[in-house]
C-alpha atoms as a PDB file:
ATOM      1  CA  MET A   1     -31.169  -9.026   1.545  1.00  0.00           C
ATOM      2  CA  LEU A   2     -28.012  -7.761   3.187  1.00  0.00           C
ATOM      3  CA  LEU A   3     -25.567  -6.832   0.483  1.00  0.00           C
ATOM      4  CA  LEU A   4     -21.885  -6.213   1.220  1.00  0.00           C
ATOM      5  CA  ALA A   5     -20.314  -4.089  -1.521  1.00  0.00           C
ATOM      6  CA  LEU A   6     -16.637  -3.309  -1.930  1.00  0.00           C
ATOM      7  CA  ASP A   7     -14.427  -1.796  -4.593  1.00  0.00           C
ATOM      8  CA  THR A   8     -10.671  -1.231  -4.820  1.00  0.00           C
ATOM      9  CA  ALA A   9     -10.373  -0.492  -8.547  1.00  0.00           C
ATOM     10  CA  THR A  10      -9.778   3.235  -7.996  1.00  0.00           C
ATOM     11  CA  PRO A  11      -7.656   5.009  -5.350  1.00  0.00           C
ATOM     12  CA  ALA A  12     -10.723   4.826  -3.081  1.00  0.00           C
ATOM     13  CA  VAL A  13     -10.953   1.827  -0.745  1.00  0.00           C
ATOM     14  CA  THR A  14     -14.709   1.734  -0.318  1.00  0.00           C
ATOM     15  CA  VAL A  15     -17.146  -0.612   1.454  1.00  0.00           C
ATOM     16  CA  ALA A  16     -20.901  -0.416   2.056  1.00  0.00           C
ATOM     17  CA  LEU A  17     -23.815  -2.408   3.448  1.00  0.00           C
ATOM     18  CA  HIS A  18     -27.218  -2.284   1.740  1.00  0.00           C
ATOM     19  CA  ASP A  19     -30.418  -3.931   3.001  1.00  0.00           C
ATOM     20  CA  GLY A  20     -32.223  -3.917  -0.343  1.00  0.00           C
ATOM     21  CA  THR A  21     -33.846  -0.568   0.393  1.00  0.00           C
ATOM     22  CA  ARG A  22     -31.085   1.749   1.510  1.00  0.00           C
ATOM     23  CA  VAL A  23     -27.406   2.034   2.370  1.00  0.00           C
ATOM     24  CA  LEU A  24     -26.987   1.177   6.049  1.00  0.00           C
ATOM     25  CA  ALA A  25     -23.324   2.166   6.367  1.00  0.00           C
ATOM     26  CA  GLU A  26     -20.466   3.180   4.093  1.00  0.00           C
ATOM     27  CA  SER A  27     -16.724   3.764   4.365  1.00  0.00           C
ATOM     28  CA  ARG A  28     -14.407   5.376   1.822  1.00  0.00           C
ATOM     29  CA  GLN A  29     -10.720   6.196   2.186  1.00  0.00           C
ATOM     30  CA  VAL A  30      -8.664   7.493  -0.744  1.00  0.00           C
ATOM     31  CA  ASP A  31      -5.159   6.013  -0.757  1.00  0.00           C
ATOM     32  CA  ALA A  32      -3.921   4.337  -3.926  1.00  0.00           C
ATOM     33  CA  ARG A  33      -1.080   2.514  -2.135  1.00  0.00           C
ATOM     34  CA  ARG A  34      -2.863   0.965   0.862  1.00  0.00           C
ATOM     35  CA  HIS A  35      -5.775  -1.051  -0.516  1.00  0.00           C
ATOM     36  CA  GLY A  36      -4.715  -4.240   1.247  1.00  0.00           C
ATOM     37  CA  GLU A  37      -4.122  -2.470   4.536  1.00  0.00           C
ATOM     38  CA  LEU A  38      -7.369  -0.495   4.585  1.00  0.00           C
ATOM     39  CA  LEU A  39      -9.983  -2.876   3.180  1.00  0.00           C
ATOM     40  CA  LEU A  40     -10.620  -5.301   6.056  1.00  0.00           C
ATOM     41  CA  PRO A  41     -10.753  -2.567   8.729  1.00  0.00           C
ATOM     42  CA  ALA A  42     -13.284  -0.787   6.501  1.00  0.00           C
ATOM     43  CA  VAL A  43     -15.451  -3.937   6.415  1.00  0.00           C
ATOM     44  CA  ASP A  44     -15.280  -4.153  10.216  1.00  0.00           C
ATOM     45  CA  ARG A  45     -16.180  -0.462  10.465  1.00  0.00           C
ATOM     46  CA  VAL A  46     -19.335  -0.617   8.342  1.00  0.00           C
ATOM     47  CA  LEU A  47     -20.529  -3.780  10.102  1.00  0.00           C
ATOM     48  CA  ALA A  48     -20.033  -2.106  13.483  1.00  0.00           C
ATOM     49  CA  GLU A  49     -21.824   1.048  12.334  1.00  0.00           C
ATOM     50  CA  ALA A  50     -24.790  -1.005  11.120  1.00  0.00           C
ATOM     51  CA  GLY A  51     -24.764  -3.151  14.283  1.00  0.00           C
ATOM     52  CA  LEU A  52     -24.467  -6.354  12.266  1.00  0.00           C
ATOM     53  CA  LYS A  53     -22.168  -9.364  11.974  1.00  0.00           C
ATOM     54  CA  LEU A  54     -20.508 -10.613   8.819  1.00  0.00           C
ATOM     55  CA  ASP A  55     -22.544 -13.839   8.890  1.00  0.00           C
ATOM     56  CA  ALA A  56     -25.709 -11.784   8.295  1.00  0.00           C
ATOM     57  CA  VAL A  57     -24.550 -10.944   4.747  1.00  0.00           C
ATOM     58  CA  SER A  58     -26.614 -12.646   2.031  1.00  0.00           C
ATOM     59  CA  ASP A  59     -24.826 -11.373  -1.091  1.00  0.00           C
ATOM     60  CA  ILE A  60     -21.516  -9.757  -1.989  1.00  0.00           C
ATOM     61  CA  VAL A  61     -20.888  -7.405  -4.888  1.00  0.00           C
ATOM     62  CA  VAL A  62     -17.425  -6.292  -5.920  1.00  0.00           C
ATOM     63  CA  GLY A  63     -16.233  -3.740  -8.449  1.00  0.00           C
ATOM     64  CA  VAL A  64     -14.412  -5.614 -11.222  1.00  0.00           C
ATOM     65  CA  GLY A  65     -12.698  -2.572 -12.724  1.00  0.00           C
ATOM     66  CA  PRO A  66     -11.289  -1.615 -15.050  1.00  0.00           C
ATOM     67  CA  GLY A  67      -8.489  -0.692 -12.713  1.00  0.00           C
ATOM     68  CA  PRO A  68      -4.776  -1.141 -11.998  1.00  0.00           C
ATOM     69  CA  TYR A  69      -3.833  -4.767 -11.392  1.00  0.00           C
ATOM     70  CA  THR A  70      -2.572  -4.612  -7.799  1.00  0.00           C
ATOM     71  CA  GLY A  71      -5.377  -2.558  -6.283  1.00  0.00           C
ATOM     72  CA  LEU A  72      -8.144  -4.297  -8.190  1.00  0.00           C
ATOM     73  CA  ARG A  73      -7.158  -7.822  -7.150  1.00  0.00           C
ATOM     74  CA  VAL A  74      -7.288  -6.885  -3.435  1.00  0.00           C
ATOM     75  CA  GLY A  75     -11.040  -6.350  -3.637  1.00  0.00           C
ATOM     76  CA  LEU A  76     -11.660  -9.356  -5.860  1.00  0.00           C
ATOM     77  CA  VAL A  77      -9.707 -11.788  -3.670  1.00  0.00           C
ATOM     78  CA  THR A  78     -11.348 -10.440  -0.512  1.00  0.00           C
ATOM     79  CA  ALA A  79     -14.836 -10.769  -2.011  1.00  0.00           C
ATOM     80  CA  ALA A  80     -14.118 -14.330  -3.171  1.00  0.00           C
ATOM     81  CA  THR A  81     -12.784 -15.266   0.265  1.00  0.00           C
ATOM     82  CA  PHE A  82     -15.833 -13.857   2.054  1.00  0.00           C
ATOM     83  CA  GLY A  83     -18.143 -15.598  -0.394  1.00  0.00           C
ATOM     84  CA  ALA A  84     -16.464 -18.964   0.143  1.00  0.00           C
ATOM     85  CA  ALA A  85     -16.398 -18.590   3.938  1.00  0.00           C
ATOM     86  CA  LEU A  86     -20.038 -17.497   4.190  1.00  0.00           C
ATOM     87  CA  GLY A  87     -21.425 -19.668   1.401  1.00  0.00           C
ATOM     88  CA  VAL A  88     -23.087 -16.695  -0.313  1.00  0.00           C
ATOM     89  CA  PRO A  89     -23.065 -15.577  -3.958  1.00  0.00           C
ATOM     90  CA  VAL A  90     -20.437 -13.101  -5.128  1.00  0.00           C
ATOM     91  CA  HIS A  91     -21.448 -10.754  -7.948  1.00  0.00           C
ATOM     92  CA  GLY A  92     -19.353  -8.445 -10.103  1.00  0.00           C
ATOM     93  CA  LEU A  93     -20.196  -4.998 -11.430  1.00  0.00           C
ATOM     94  CA  CYS A  94     -18.172  -2.682 -13.628  1.00  0.00           C
ATOM     95  CA  THR A  95     -16.589   0.034 -11.481  1.00  0.00           C
ATOM     96  CA  LEU A  96     -17.423   2.651 -14.122  1.00  0.00           C
ATOM     97  CA  ASP A  97     -21.104   1.680 -13.805  1.00  0.00           C
ATOM     98  CA  GLY A  98     -21.017   2.543 -10.106  1.00  0.00           C
ATOM     99  CA  LEU A  99     -19.597   5.975 -10.869  1.00  0.00           C
ATOM    100  CA  ALA A 100     -22.206   6.451 -13.569  1.00  0.00           C
ATOM    101  CA  HIS A 101     -24.973   5.631 -11.099  1.00  0.00           C
ATOM    102  CA  ALA A 102     -23.540   8.122  -8.588  1.00  0.00           C
ATOM    103  CA  SER A 103     -23.262  10.897 -11.179  1.00  0.00           C
ATOM    104  CA  GLY A 104     -26.913  11.919 -11.071  1.00  0.00           C
ATOM    105  CA  LEU A 105     -26.722  12.775 -14.778  1.00  0.00           C
ATOM    106  CA  THR A 106     -29.645  12.035 -17.080  1.00  0.00           C
ATOM    107  CA  GLU A 107     -28.263  13.223 -20.428  1.00  0.00           C
ATOM    108  CA  PRO A 108     -25.643  11.171 -22.355  1.00  0.00           C
ATOM    109  CA  PHE A 109     -22.334  11.352 -20.495  1.00  0.00           C
ATOM    110  CA  VAL A 110     -18.882   9.849 -20.015  1.00  0.00           C
ATOM    111  CA  VAL A 111     -17.180   8.276 -17.002  1.00  0.00           C
ATOM    112  CA  ALA A 112     -13.376   8.311 -16.937  1.00  0.00           C
ATOM    113  CA  THR A 113     -10.963   7.129 -14.239  1.00  0.00           C
ATOM    114  CA  ASP A 114      -7.195   7.524 -14.055  1.00  0.00           C
ATOM    115  CA  ALA A 115      -5.454   4.516 -15.609  1.00  0.00           C
ATOM    116  CA  ARG A 116      -1.962   5.935 -14.969  1.00  0.00           C
ATOM    117  CA  ARG A 117       0.640   5.848 -17.787  1.00  0.00           C
ATOM    118  CA  LYS A 118      -1.085   9.041 -19.040  1.00  0.00           C
ATOM    119  CA  GLU A 119      -4.172   6.993 -19.954  1.00  0.00           C
ATOM    120  CA  VAL A 120      -7.795   6.760 -18.791  1.00  0.00           C
ATOM    121  CA  TYR A 121     -10.333   3.983 -18.379  1.00  0.00           C
ATOM    122  CA  TRP A 122     -13.604   5.228 -19.812  1.00  0.00           C
ATOM    123  CA  ALA A 123     -17.049   4.442 -21.210  1.00  0.00           C
ATOM    124  CA  ARG A 124     -20.086   6.329 -22.511  1.00  0.00           C
ATOM    125  CA  TYR A 125     -23.508   6.189 -20.812  1.00  0.00           C
ATOM    126  CA  GLU A 126     -27.048   7.391 -21.041  1.00  0.00           C
ATOM    127  CA  ALA A 127     -29.656   7.520 -18.293  1.00  0.00           C
ATOM    128  CA  SER A 128     -33.421   7.602 -18.271  1.00  0.00           C
ATOM    129  CA  PRO A 129     -35.160   9.655 -15.543  1.00  0.00           C
ATOM    130  CA  ALA A 130     -36.916   7.695 -12.812  1.00  0.00           C
ATOM    131  CA  ALA A 131     -40.517   6.795 -13.576  1.00  0.00           C
ATOM    132  CA  GLY A 132     -41.562   7.787 -10.045  1.00  0.00           C
ATOM    133  CA  SER A 133     -40.191   9.052  -6.786  1.00  0.00           C
ATOM    134  CA  ALA A 134     -39.394   5.536  -5.554  1.00  0.00           C
ATOM    135  CA  ALA A 135     -37.997   4.211  -8.839  1.00  0.00           C
ATOM    136  CA  PRO A 136     -34.271   4.492  -9.634  1.00  0.00           C
ATOM    137  CA  ARG A 137     -33.264   6.003 -12.942  1.00  0.00           C
ATOM    138  CA  THR A 138     -32.025   3.527 -15.525  1.00  0.00           C
ATOM    139  CA  ILE A 139     -28.345   3.616 -16.480  1.00  0.00           C
ATOM    140  CA  THR A 140     -27.260   2.145 -19.824  1.00  0.00           C
ATOM    141  CA  ARG A 141     -23.628   1.738 -20.826  1.00  0.00           C
ATOM    142  CA  LEU A 142     -23.342   2.495 -24.539  1.00  0.00           C
ATOM    143  CA  THR A 143     -19.740   1.360 -25.065  1.00  0.00           C
ATOM    144  CA  GLU A 144     -17.489  -1.311 -23.629  1.00  0.00           C
ATOM    145  CA  PRO A 145     -14.958  -0.020 -21.090  1.00  0.00           C
ATOM    146  CA  ALA A 146     -11.693   0.956 -22.791  1.00  0.00           C
ATOM    147  CA  VAL A 147      -8.250   2.261 -21.925  1.00  0.00           C
ATOM    148  CA  ASP A 148      -6.894   5.066 -24.095  1.00  0.00           C
ATOM    149  CA  ARG A 149      -4.695   8.127 -24.127  1.00  0.00           C
ATOM    150  CA  PRO A 150      -6.955  11.169 -23.709  1.00  0.00           C
ATOM    151  CA  ALA A 151      -5.677  12.807 -26.887  1.00  0.00           C
ATOM    152  CA  ASP A 152      -6.734   9.751 -28.906  1.00  0.00           C
ATOM    153  CA  ILE A 153     -10.398  10.064 -27.835  1.00  0.00           C
ATOM    154  CA  ALA A 154     -10.659  13.875 -27.792  1.00  0.00           C
ATOM    155  CA  ASP A 155     -13.152  13.963 -30.658  1.00  0.00           C
ATOM    156  CA  GLN A 156     -15.427  11.496 -28.858  1.00  0.00           C
ATOM    157  CA  VAL A 157     -15.513  13.184 -25.439  1.00  0.00           C
ATOM    158  CA  ALA A 158     -15.050  16.914 -26.049  1.00  0.00           C
ATOM    159  CA  GLY A 159     -18.010  18.827 -24.653  1.00  0.00           C
ATOM    160  CA  VAL A 160     -19.763  15.692 -23.408  1.00  0.00           C
ATOM    161  CA  PRO A 161     -20.717  15.802 -19.693  1.00  0.00           C
ATOM    162  CA  ALA A 162     -18.106  13.748 -17.838  1.00  0.00           C
ATOM    163  CA  VAL A 163     -17.341  12.596 -14.293  1.00  0.00           C
ATOM    164  CA  GLY A 164     -14.466  10.777 -12.634  1.00  0.00           C
ATOM    165  CA  ALA A 165     -10.842  11.364 -11.718  1.00  0.00           C
ATOM    166  CA  GLY A 166      -9.695  10.782 -15.303  1.00  0.00           C
ATOM    167  CA  ALA A 167     -11.959  13.502 -16.633  1.00  0.00           C
ATOM    168  CA  LEU A 168     -10.804  15.900 -13.916  1.00  0.00           C
ATOM    169  CA  LEU A 169      -7.151  15.127 -14.579  1.00  0.00           C
ATOM    170  CA  TYR A 170      -7.442  15.725 -18.338  1.00  0.00           C
ATOM    171  CA  ASP A 171      -9.987  18.540 -18.372  1.00  0.00           C
ATOM    172  CA  THR A 172      -8.483  20.067 -21.530  1.00  0.00           C
ATOM    173  CA  VAL A 173      -9.783  16.950 -23.337  1.00  0.00           C
ATOM    174  CA  PHE A 174     -12.880  16.235 -21.234  1.00  0.00           C
ATOM    175  CA  THR A 175     -14.117  19.790 -21.616  1.00  0.00           C
ATOM    176  CA  GLY A 176     -17.588  18.938 -20.305  1.00  0.00           C
ATOM    177  CA  VAL A 177     -16.294  17.629 -16.968  1.00  0.00           C
ATOM    178  CA  ARG A 178     -18.668  18.097 -14.022  1.00  0.00           C
ATOM    179  CA  ARG A 179     -16.456  19.034 -11.079  1.00  0.00           C
ATOM    180  CA  GLU A 180     -19.272  18.490  -8.635  1.00  0.00           C
ATOM    181  CA  GLY A 181     -19.644  14.881  -9.788  1.00  0.00           C
ATOM    182  CA  PRO A 182     -18.050  11.815  -8.155  1.00  0.00           C
ATOM    183  CA  GLU A 183     -14.275  11.595  -8.504  1.00  0.00           C
ATOM    184  CA  HIS A 184     -13.716   8.058  -7.187  1.00  0.00           C
ATOM    185  CA  GLN A 185     -15.888   5.018  -6.621  1.00  0.00           C
ATOM    186  CA  SER A 186     -18.550   4.829  -3.906  1.00  0.00           C
ATOM    187  CA  ALA A 187     -19.467   1.360  -2.635  1.00  0.00           C
ATOM    188  CA  GLY A 188     -22.807   2.834  -1.599  1.00  0.00           C
ATOM    189  CA  ALA A 189     -23.604   3.668  -5.235  1.00  0.00           C
ATOM    190  CA  LEU A 190     -22.346   0.259  -6.370  1.00  0.00           C
ATOM    191  CA  ALA A 191     -24.528  -1.457  -3.745  1.00  0.00           C
ATOM    192  CA  THR A 192     -27.604   0.590  -4.675  1.00  0.00           C
ATOM    193  CA  LEU A 193     -27.164  -0.295  -8.339  1.00  0.00           C
ATOM    194  CA  ALA A 194     -26.601  -3.983  -7.553  1.00  0.00           C
ATOM    195  CA  ALA A 195     -29.603  -4.141  -5.203  1.00  0.00           C
ATOM    196  CA  ALA A 196     -31.880  -2.648  -7.863  1.00  0.00           C
ATOM    197  CA  LYS A 197     -30.660  -5.127 -10.473  1.00  0.00           C
ATOM    198  CA  LEU A 198     -31.054  -8.105  -8.152  1.00  0.00           C
ATOM    199  CA  ALA A 199     -34.541  -6.983  -7.105  1.00  0.00           C
ATOM    200  CA  ALA A 200     -35.485  -6.779 -10.792  1.00  0.00           C
ATOM    201  CA  GLY A 201     -34.329 -10.363 -11.289  1.00  0.00           C
ATOM    202  CA  GLU A 202     -31.265  -9.462 -13.332  1.00  0.00           C
ATOM    203  CA  GLU A 203     -28.300 -11.808 -13.311  1.00  0.00           C
ATOM    204  CA  LEU A 204     -25.158  -9.897 -12.404  1.00  0.00           C
ATOM    205  CA  PRO A 205     -21.811 -10.640 -14.074  1.00  0.00           C
ATOM    206  CA  PRO A 206     -19.323 -12.978 -12.374  1.00  0.00           C
ATOM    207  CA  PRO A 207     -16.557 -11.363 -10.291  1.00  0.00           C
ATOM    208  CA  GLN A 208     -13.927 -11.562 -13.012  1.00  0.00           C
ATOM    209  CA  PRO A 209     -11.299  -8.778 -13.200  1.00  0.00           C
ATOM    210  CA  MET A 210     -11.413  -6.266 -16.012  1.00  0.00           C
ATOM    211  CA  TYR A 211      -7.750  -5.295 -16.393  1.00  0.00           C
ATOM    212  CA  LEU A 212      -7.778  -4.198 -20.085  1.00  0.00           C
ATOM    213  CA  ARG A 213      -3.973  -4.301 -20.196  1.00  0.00           C
ATOM    214  CA  ARG A 214      -0.979  -6.181 -18.807  1.00  0.00           C
ATOM    215  CA  PRO A 215       0.212  -5.461 -15.241  1.00  0.00           C
ATOM    216  CA  ASP A 216       3.008  -2.942 -14.650  1.00  0.00           C
ATOM    217  CA  ALA A 217       5.233  -5.584 -13.025  1.00  0.00           C
ATOM    218  CA  GLN A 218       6.586  -8.064 -15.578  1.00  0.00           C
ATOM    219  CA  VAL A 219       9.417 -10.588 -15.743  1.00  0.00           C
ATOM    220  CA  PRO A 220      12.449  -8.973 -17.471  1.00  0.00           C
ATOM    221  CA  ALA A 221      13.028 -10.117 -21.034  1.00  0.00           C
ATOM    222  CA  ASN A 222      16.577 -11.380 -20.261  1.00  0.00           C
ATOM    223  CA  TYR A 223      15.652 -13.011 -16.949  1.00  0.00           C
ATOM    224  CA  LYS A 224      17.979 -15.930 -16.055  1.00  0.00           C
ATOM    225  CA  VAL A 225      17.064 -18.864 -13.824  1.00  0.00           C
ATOM    226  CA  VAL A 226      19.655 -19.083 -11.043  1.00  0.00           C
ATOM    227  CA  THR A 227      18.171 -21.925  -8.982  1.00  0.00           C
ATOM    228  CA  PRO A 228      20.014 -25.286  -9.083  1.00  0.00           C
ATOM    229  CA  GLN A 229      18.884 -27.705 -11.751  1.00  0.00           C
END
């Protein structure tokens, strides 16, 4: 297996290569406005670091969000294009699941990312400790990803261990936030999680975007067609 993982659902443009045992190379740059500009150079960088060519990739995994429309679709379109060009399967994984895997937490916890508009994308998780030194701990998502105003979910998240940029941004609501935890997505964590699932024979979700709400850019309500009939 040579798994190429990428995610653009958070401000981090992140790419990693995983050989089924370990992360071979990883790149992460945090810039919420340059996903399209930074992603392909990041792919080239991790391939060069690992000393491999793109045609060696056997699987692709992409973070499907939830995330803002523009950034999220950059990763999804790129993954689909690579998959079609290489003739390899493209898998999706929830971006919040990658952050949960990177958290290192074993008690019930929350992952929250910044959804803008004074809202967060979030979900609750629990994790079981690894059965042995070589076995990964098991992450279980207890709730479907949601988008909410922090004040509306205060009773559900107050005091619960939490990671992610959304929890850090609204720490008066996410009072159990772990500041040492991951803030943005890591493609290395996403790849490690995907590799473990594939090795266990699990079928990963399709690479379909998880927007949870309409895009910011919309056609004005009083828009008039000005092209000739």
